[in-house]
């Protein structure tokens, strides 16, 4: 979701529940702004409702995520980036085949008032598989290794998708979208700055660490 001047408001996920209902999951810190912008620009007949305080999201990630959720009684095995709506002990749960760790995994959207009960069920089912509770900071170490961008650091209202080398995620063929003209102009001219990766040739702690990245402009193929 872009702003009018091409920067990124949020890298949210949109789930199409029906022909007239879309369920959005933005980053928690950006929820209010996402809801505000969408509501302000919504055409007649479209209602934007901020339900962020009504839900919690629990991420189950790793090689045993399918096993753990299966034992806990949740549906598993659906396609990446898809979702299944289910019931667990009478509680409605949206089981999404998503995650931000680089491992196979799921994210469960549950009513906030019963999130602790669902948490206990997952942890109990995962004990046999060595499940370990982890916070958001720990998750971010994994997304860094995988090369997934983090909003507020690698993406922001001042960092465009072209600069972040994420042009593949932009709907260039759409007739228009927020920031379209400015972003298309930047893509055509090439960005004045671009995200790059750094790695160590000789391992952690070595003095032979190098950064291989373009000095100014990213190659067009990376956009």
C-alpha atoms as a PDB file:
ATOM      1  CA  UNK A   1       0.000   0.000   0.000  1.00  0.00           C
ATOM      2  CA  UNK A   2       1.659   3.176  -1.228  1.00  0.00           C
ATOM      3  CA  UNK A   3       1.259   6.819  -0.427  1.00  0.00           C
ATOM      4  CA  UNK A   4       0.611   9.494  -3.040  1.00  0.00           C
ATOM      5  CA  UNK A   5       4.312  10.383  -3.172  1.00  0.00           C
ATOM      6  CA  UNK A   6       5.340   6.744  -3.850  1.00  0.00           C
ATOM      7  CA  UNK A   7       6.611   5.758  -0.360  1.00  0.00           C
ATOM      8  CA  UNK A   8       5.220   2.649   1.377  1.00  0.00           C
ATOM      9  CA  UNK A   9       2.468   3.051   3.968  1.00  0.00           C
ATOM     10  CA  UNK A  10       2.424  -0.671   4.728  1.00  0.00           C
ATOM     11  CA  UNK A  11       3.179  -4.078   3.215  1.00  0.00           C
ATOM     12  CA  UNK A  12      -0.122  -5.616   4.239  1.00  0.00           C
ATOM     13  CA  UNK A  13      -1.760  -8.909   3.254  1.00  0.00           C
ATOM     14  CA  UNK A  14      -5.250  -8.970   1.740  1.00  0.00           C
ATOM     15  CA  UNK A  15      -7.445 -12.062   2.024  1.00  0.00           C
ATOM     16  CA  UNK A  16     -10.486 -12.255  -0.253  1.00  0.00           C
ATOM     17  CA  UNK A  17     -13.219 -13.777   1.898  1.00  0.00           C
ATOM     18  CA  UNK A  18     -16.007 -13.261  -0.627  1.00  0.00           C
ATOM     19  CA  UNK A  19     -16.864 -11.155  -3.647  1.00  0.00           C
ATOM     20  CA  UNK A  20     -17.674  -8.217  -1.368  1.00  0.00           C
ATOM     21  CA  UNK A  21     -15.433  -8.755   1.669  1.00  0.00           C
ATOM     22  CA  UNK A  22     -11.652  -8.321   1.933  1.00  0.00           C
ATOM     23  CA  UNK A  23      -9.859  -9.070   5.209  1.00  0.00           C
ATOM     24  CA  UNK A  24      -6.663  -7.022   5.581  1.00  0.00           C
ATOM     25  CA  UNK A  25      -3.768  -7.756   7.925  1.00  0.00           C
ATOM     26  CA  UNK A  26      -1.369  -4.789   8.147  1.00  0.00           C
ATOM     27  CA  UNK A  27       1.586  -4.351  10.455  1.00  0.00           C
ATOM     28  CA  UNK A  28       0.270  -3.597  13.931  1.00  0.00           C
ATOM     29  CA  UNK A  29       1.968  -0.207  14.198  1.00  0.00           C
ATOM     30  CA  UNK A  30       0.484   0.926  10.875  1.00  0.00           C
ATOM     31  CA  UNK A  31      -3.077  -0.280  11.380  1.00  0.00           C
ATOM     32  CA  UNK A  32      -4.636   3.052  12.320  1.00  0.00           C
ATOM     33  CA  UNK A  33      -3.080   4.872   9.357  1.00  0.00           C
ATOM     34  CA  UNK A  34      -4.041   2.110   6.912  1.00  0.00           C
ATOM     35  CA  UNK A  35      -7.650   2.204   8.125  1.00  0.00           C
ATOM     36  CA  UNK A  36      -7.733   6.000   7.994  1.00  0.00           C
ATOM     37  CA  UNK A  37      -6.421   6.242   4.436  1.00  0.00           C
ATOM     38  CA  UNK A  38      -8.677   3.494   3.103  1.00  0.00           C
ATOM     39  CA  UNK A  39     -11.750   4.964   4.782  1.00  0.00           C
ATOM     40  CA  UNK A  40     -10.976   8.442   3.462  1.00  0.00           C
ATOM     41  CA  UNK A  41     -10.684   7.178  -0.116  1.00  0.00           C
ATOM     42  CA  UNK A  42     -13.393   4.494  -0.078  1.00  0.00           C
ATOM     43  CA  UNK A  43     -16.011   4.844  -2.814  1.00  0.00           C
ATOM     44  CA  UNK A  44     -19.703   4.830  -2.059  1.00  0.00           C
ATOM     45  CA  UNK A  45     -20.993   1.486  -0.808  1.00  0.00           C
ATOM     46  CA  UNK A  46     -17.611   0.435   0.608  1.00  0.00           C
ATOM     47  CA  UNK A  47     -17.176   0.375   4.385  1.00  0.00           C
ATOM     48  CA  UNK A  48     -13.791   0.177   6.097  1.00  0.00           C
ATOM     49  CA  UNK A  49     -13.899  -1.245   9.637  1.00  0.00           C
ATOM     50  CA  UNK A  50     -10.883  -1.297  11.972  1.00  0.00           C
ATOM     51  CA  UNK A  51     -11.173  -4.580  13.902  1.00  0.00           C
ATOM     52  CA  UNK A  52      -7.559  -4.713  15.035  1.00  0.00           C
ATOM     53  CA  UNK A  53      -8.444  -4.721  18.743  1.00  0.00           C
ATOM     54  CA  UNK A  54     -10.743  -7.686  18.242  1.00  0.00           C
ATOM     55  CA  UNK A  55      -8.095 -10.116  16.982  1.00  0.00           C
ATOM     56  CA  UNK A  56      -4.711 -11.585  17.855  1.00  0.00           C
ATOM     57  CA  UNK A  57      -2.260 -13.270  15.475  1.00  0.00           C
ATOM     58  CA  UNK A  58      -0.247 -16.315  16.554  1.00  0.00           C
ATOM     59  CA  UNK A  59       2.541 -17.499  14.244  1.00  0.00           C
ATOM     60  CA  UNK A  60       3.558 -21.173  14.231  1.00  0.00           C
ATOM     61  CA  UNK A  61       6.725 -21.541  12.178  1.00  0.00           C
ATOM     62  CA  UNK A  62       9.241 -24.232  11.359  1.00  0.00           C
ATOM     63  CA  UNK A  63       9.534 -27.777  10.051  1.00  0.00           C
ATOM     64  CA  UNK A  64       7.066 -29.171  12.586  1.00  0.00           C
ATOM     65  CA  UNK A  65       4.415 -26.492  12.174  1.00  0.00           C
ATOM     66  CA  UNK A  66       2.107 -28.855  10.249  1.00  0.00           C
ATOM     67  CA  UNK A  67       2.516 -31.607  12.834  1.00  0.00           C
ATOM     68  CA  UNK A  68       1.930 -29.254  15.751  1.00  0.00           C
ATOM     69  CA  UNK A  69      -1.219 -27.697  14.325  1.00  0.00           C
ATOM     70  CA  UNK A  70      -2.578 -31.056  13.194  1.00  0.00           C
ATOM     71  CA  UNK A  71      -2.223 -32.454  16.711  1.00  0.00           C
ATOM     72  CA  UNK A  72      -3.861 -29.302  18.090  1.00  0.00           C
ATOM     73  CA  UNK A  73      -6.816 -29.839  15.759  1.00  0.00           C
ATOM     74  CA  UNK A  74      -6.262 -27.142  13.145  1.00  0.00           C
ATOM     75  CA  UNK A  75      -6.409 -27.565   9.349  1.00  0.00           C
ATOM     76  CA  UNK A  76      -3.013 -27.763   7.616  1.00  0.00           C
ATOM     77  CA  UNK A  77      -1.541 -28.401   4.198  1.00  0.00           C
ATOM     78  CA  UNK A  78      -3.221 -25.637   2.211  1.00  0.00           C
ATOM     79  CA  UNK A  79      -1.326 -23.616  -0.377  1.00  0.00           C
ATOM     80  CA  UNK A  80       1.145 -20.865   0.483  1.00  0.00           C
ATOM     81  CA  UNK A  81      -0.532 -17.461   0.992  1.00  0.00           C
ATOM     82  CA  UNK A  82      -3.971 -19.095   1.171  1.00  0.00           C
ATOM     83  CA  UNK A  83      -6.188 -19.378   4.237  1.00  0.00           C
ATOM     84  CA  UNK A  84      -8.804 -21.684   5.730  1.00  0.00           C
ATOM     85  CA  UNK A  85     -11.563 -20.595   8.087  1.00  0.00           C
ATOM     86  CA  UNK A  86     -12.160 -23.178  10.808  1.00  0.00           C
ATOM     87  CA  UNK A  87     -13.556 -23.653  14.289  1.00  0.00           C
ATOM     88  CA  UNK A  88     -11.551 -24.804  17.285  1.00  0.00           C
ATOM     89  CA  UNK A  89     -13.578 -25.659  20.347  1.00  0.00           C
ATOM     90  CA  UNK A  90     -16.345 -23.421  19.065  1.00  0.00           C
ATOM     91  CA  UNK A  91     -13.896 -20.549  18.457  1.00  0.00           C
ATOM     92  CA  UNK A  92     -13.631 -19.178  14.880  1.00  0.00           C
ATOM     93  CA  UNK A  93     -10.034 -19.274  13.638  1.00  0.00           C
ATOM     94  CA  UNK A  94      -8.492 -18.153  10.346  1.00  0.00           C
ATOM     95  CA  UNK A  95      -5.497 -20.396   9.581  1.00  0.00           C
ATOM     96  CA  UNK A  96      -3.211 -18.610   7.104  1.00  0.00           C
ATOM     97  CA  UNK A  97      -0.348 -20.338   5.280  1.00  0.00           C
ATOM     98  CA  UNK A  98       1.951 -17.404   5.834  1.00  0.00           C
ATOM     99  CA  UNK A  99       4.902 -16.373   7.962  1.00  0.00           C
ATOM    100  CA  UNK A 100       7.949 -14.170   8.015  1.00  0.00           C
ATOM    101  CA  UNK A 101      10.755 -16.499   9.016  1.00  0.00           C
ATOM    102  CA  UNK A 102      11.812 -18.178   5.778  1.00  0.00           C
ATOM    103  CA  UNK A 103      10.554 -21.505   7.149  1.00  0.00           C
ATOM    104  CA  UNK A 104       7.310 -23.308   6.389  1.00  0.00           C
ATOM    105  CA  UNK A 105       4.635 -22.051   8.721  1.00  0.00           C
ATOM    106  CA  UNK A 106       1.221 -20.684   9.541  1.00  0.00           C
ATOM    107  CA  UNK A 107      -0.331 -17.617  11.148  1.00  0.00           C
ATOM    108  CA  UNK A 108      -3.568 -18.009  13.088  1.00  0.00           C
ATOM    109  CA  UNK A 109      -5.983 -15.091  13.421  1.00  0.00           C
ATOM    110  CA  UNK A 110      -8.109 -15.624  16.530  1.00  0.00           C
ATOM    111  CA  UNK A 111     -10.505 -13.550  18.653  1.00  0.00           C
ATOM    112  CA  UNK A 112      -8.397 -11.618  21.152  1.00  0.00           C
ATOM    113  CA  UNK A 113     -10.408 -12.726  24.170  1.00  0.00           C
ATOM    114  CA  UNK A 114      -9.549 -16.404  23.597  1.00  0.00           C
ATOM    115  CA  UNK A 115      -6.024 -15.993  22.209  1.00  0.00           C
ATOM    116  CA  UNK A 116      -4.450 -17.377  25.397  1.00  0.00           C
ATOM    117  CA  UNK A 117      -6.530 -20.566  25.115  1.00  0.00           C
ATOM    118  CA  UNK A 118      -5.440 -21.120  21.519  1.00  0.00           C
ATOM    119  CA  UNK A 119      -1.843 -20.364  22.541  1.00  0.00           C
ATOM    120  CA  UNK A 120      -1.995 -23.027  25.268  1.00  0.00           C
ATOM    121  CA  UNK A 121      -3.402 -25.570  22.817  1.00  0.00           C
ATOM    122  CA  UNK A 122      -0.617 -24.918  20.309  1.00  0.00           C
ATOM    123  CA  UNK A 123       2.179 -25.000  22.897  1.00  0.00           C
ATOM    124  CA  UNK A 124       0.769 -28.195  24.388  1.00  0.00           C
ATOM    125  CA  UNK A 125       0.559 -29.890  20.981  1.00  0.00           C
ATOM    126  CA  UNK A 126       4.058 -28.740  20.057  1.00  0.00           C
ATOM    127  CA  UNK A 127       5.800 -29.996  23.187  1.00  0.00           C
ATOM    128  CA  UNK A 128       6.625 -33.307  21.519  1.00  0.00           C
ATOM    129  CA  UNK A 129       8.253 -31.410  18.657  1.00  0.00           C
ATOM    130  CA  UNK A 130      10.352 -29.086  20.794  1.00  0.00           C
ATOM    131  CA  UNK A 131       8.235 -25.984  20.309  1.00  0.00           C
ATOM    132  CA  UNK A 132       9.729 -22.814  21.815  1.00  0.00           C
ATOM    133  CA  UNK A 133       7.778 -19.573  22.391  1.00  0.00           C
ATOM    134  CA  UNK A 134       9.493 -16.598  20.746  1.00  0.00           C
ATOM    135  CA  UNK A 135       8.846 -12.884  20.556  1.00  0.00           C
ATOM    136  CA  UNK A 136       8.807 -10.520  17.631  1.00  0.00           C
ATOM    137  CA  UNK A 137      12.469  -9.554  18.074  1.00  0.00           C
ATOM    138  CA  UNK A 138      13.526 -13.191  17.752  1.00  0.00           C
ATOM    139  CA  UNK A 139      11.369 -13.534  14.650  1.00  0.00           C
ATOM    140  CA  UNK A 140      13.119 -10.550  13.106  1.00  0.00           C
ATOM    141  CA  UNK A 141      16.506 -12.284  13.285  1.00  0.00           C
ATOM    142  CA  UNK A 142      15.091 -15.001  11.034  1.00  0.00           C
ATOM    143  CA  UNK A 143      13.545 -12.609   8.521  1.00  0.00           C
ATOM    144  CA  UNK A 144      16.942 -10.891   8.298  1.00  0.00           C
ATOM    145  CA  UNK A 145      18.668 -14.154   7.371  1.00  0.00           C
ATOM    146  CA  UNK A 146      15.983 -14.835   4.777  1.00  0.00           C
ATOM    147  CA  UNK A 147      16.245 -11.334   3.325  1.00  0.00           C
ATOM    148  CA  UNK A 148      12.661 -10.339   4.023  1.00  0.00           C
ATOM    149  CA  UNK A 149      12.200  -6.556   4.307  1.00  0.00           C
ATOM    150  CA  UNK A 150      10.978  -4.926   7.512  1.00  0.00           C
ATOM    151  CA  UNK A 151       8.644  -1.948   7.331  1.00  0.00           C
ATOM    152  CA  UNK A 152      10.139   1.035   9.114  1.00  0.00           C
ATOM    153  CA  UNK A 153      13.655  -0.081   8.223  1.00  0.00           C
ATOM    154  CA  UNK A 154      13.820  -1.508   4.689  1.00  0.00           C
ATOM    155  CA  UNK A 155      10.474  -0.051   3.619  1.00  0.00           C
ATOM    156  CA  UNK A 156       8.913   3.197   4.786  1.00  0.00           C
ATOM    157  CA  UNK A 157       7.117   6.308   3.615  1.00  0.00           C
ATOM    158  CA  UNK A 158      10.541   7.528   2.509  1.00  0.00           C
ATOM    159  CA  UNK A 159      11.754   4.246   0.949  1.00  0.00           C
ATOM    160  CA  UNK A 160       9.978   3.173  -2.227  1.00  0.00           C
ATOM    161  CA  UNK A 161       9.494  -0.380  -3.561  1.00  0.00           C
ATOM    162  CA  UNK A 162      11.865   0.460  -6.407  1.00  0.00           C
ATOM    163  CA  UNK A 163      14.591   1.552  -3.984  1.00  0.00           C
ATOM    164  CA  UNK A 164      13.994  -1.569  -1.886  1.00  0.00           C
ATOM    165  CA  UNK A 165      14.226  -3.811  -4.991  1.00  0.00           C
ATOM    166  CA  UNK A 166      10.646  -4.924  -4.457  1.00  0.00           C
ATOM    167  CA  UNK A 167       9.232  -3.750  -7.752  1.00  0.00           C
ATOM    168  CA  UNK A 168       8.038  -7.314  -8.414  1.00  0.00           C
ATOM    169  CA  UNK A 169       5.353  -6.730  -5.772  1.00  0.00           C
ATOM    170  CA  UNK A 170       3.924  -3.645  -7.508  1.00  0.00           C
ATOM    171  CA  UNK A 171       0.908  -3.997  -9.816  1.00  0.00           C
ATOM    172  CA  UNK A 172       2.515  -2.128 -12.693  1.00  0.00           C
ATOM    173  CA  UNK A 173      -0.222  -3.233 -15.104  1.00  0.00           C
ATOM    174  CA  UNK A 174      -2.969  -1.622 -13.053  1.00  0.00           C
ATOM    175  CA  UNK A 175      -4.432   1.484 -14.606  1.00  0.00           C
ATOM    176  CA  UNK A 176      -3.645   3.480 -11.490  1.00  0.00           C
ATOM    177  CA  UNK A 177      -2.844   3.206  -7.803  1.00  0.00           C
ATOM    178  CA  UNK A 178      -1.641   5.542  -5.073  1.00  0.00           C
ATOM    179  CA  UNK A 179       1.762   6.920  -6.069  1.00  0.00           C
ATOM    180  CA  UNK A 180       1.619   5.385  -9.546  1.00  0.00           C
ATOM    181  CA  UNK A 181       2.946   8.347 -11.539  1.00  0.00           C
ATOM    182  CA  UNK A 182       5.851   9.065  -9.195  1.00  0.00           C
ATOM    183  CA  UNK A 183       6.787   5.390  -8.870  1.00  0.00           C
ATOM    184  CA  UNK A 184       6.676   4.744 -12.599  1.00  0.00           C
ATOM    185  CA  UNK A 185       8.874   7.775 -13.185  1.00  0.00           C
ATOM    186  CA  UNK A 186      11.403   6.510 -10.644  1.00  0.00           C
ATOM    187  CA  UNK A 187      11.377   3.057 -12.190  1.00  0.00           C
ATOM    188  CA  UNK A 188      12.027   4.485 -15.660  1.00  0.00           C
ATOM    189  CA  UNK A 189      14.853   6.755 -14.512  1.00  0.00           C
ATOM    190  CA  UNK A 190      16.373   4.287 -12.055  1.00  0.00           C
ATOM    191  CA  UNK A 191      16.453   4.937  -8.303  1.00  0.00           C
ATOM    192  CA  UNK A 192      18.987   7.340  -6.802  1.00  0.00           C
ATOM    193  CA  UNK A 193      19.599   4.773  -4.051  1.00  0.00           C
ATOM    194  CA  UNK A 194      18.949   1.058  -3.679  1.00  0.00           C
ATOM    195  CA  UNK A 195      18.903  -1.581  -0.976  1.00  0.00           C
ATOM    196  CA  UNK A 196      21.784  -4.029  -1.042  1.00  0.00           C
ATOM    197  CA  UNK A 197      22.870  -7.114   0.886  1.00  0.00           C
ATOM    198  CA  UNK A 198      26.100  -7.620   2.817  1.00  0.00           C
ATOM    199  CA  UNK A 199      27.749 -10.923   3.630  1.00  0.00           C
ATOM    200  CA  UNK A 200      30.973 -12.331   5.046  1.00  0.00           C
ATOM    201  CA  UNK A 201      33.235 -14.434   2.869  1.00  0.00           C
ATOM    202  CA  UNK A 202      35.186 -15.897   5.750  1.00  0.00           C
ATOM    203  CA  UNK A 203      32.507 -16.318   8.397  1.00  0.00           C
ATOM    204  CA  UNK A 204      31.291 -14.344  11.362  1.00  0.00           C
ATOM    205  CA  UNK A 205      34.035 -12.477  13.152  1.00  0.00           C
ATOM    206  CA  UNK A 206      36.340 -12.360  10.166  1.00  0.00           C
ATOM    207  CA  UNK A 207      37.960  -9.107   9.099  1.00  0.00           C
ATOM    208  CA  UNK A 208      37.368 -10.016   5.458  1.00  0.00           C
ATOM    209  CA  UNK A 209      33.739  -8.873   5.455  1.00  0.00           C
ATOM    210  CA  UNK A 210      32.678  -7.124   2.248  1.00  0.00           C
ATOM    211  CA  UNK A 211      29.571  -5.386   0.991  1.00  0.00           C
ATOM    212  CA  UNK A 212      28.765  -5.973  -2.651  1.00  0.00           C
ATOM    213  CA  UNK A 213      26.222  -3.412  -3.803  1.00  0.00           C
ATOM    214  CA  UNK A 214      25.783  -0.786  -6.519  1.00  0.00           C
ATOM    215  CA  UNK A 215      27.154   2.635  -5.707  1.00  0.00           C
ATOM    216  CA  UNK A 216      24.158   4.588  -6.941  1.00  0.00           C
ATOM    217  CA  UNK A 217      21.655   2.908  -9.238  1.00  0.00           C
ATOM    218  CA  UNK A 218      20.228  -0.604  -9.058  1.00  0.00           C
ATOM    219  CA  UNK A 219      20.340  -2.689 -12.247  1.00  0.00           C
ATOM    220  CA  UNK A 220      17.011  -2.524 -14.084  1.00  0.00           C
ATOM    221  CA  UNK A 221      16.641  -6.310 -13.869  1.00  0.00           C
ATOM    222  CA  UNK A 222      16.418  -6.069 -10.083  1.00  0.00           C
ATOM    223  CA  UNK A 223      13.337  -3.873 -10.226  1.00  0.00           C
END
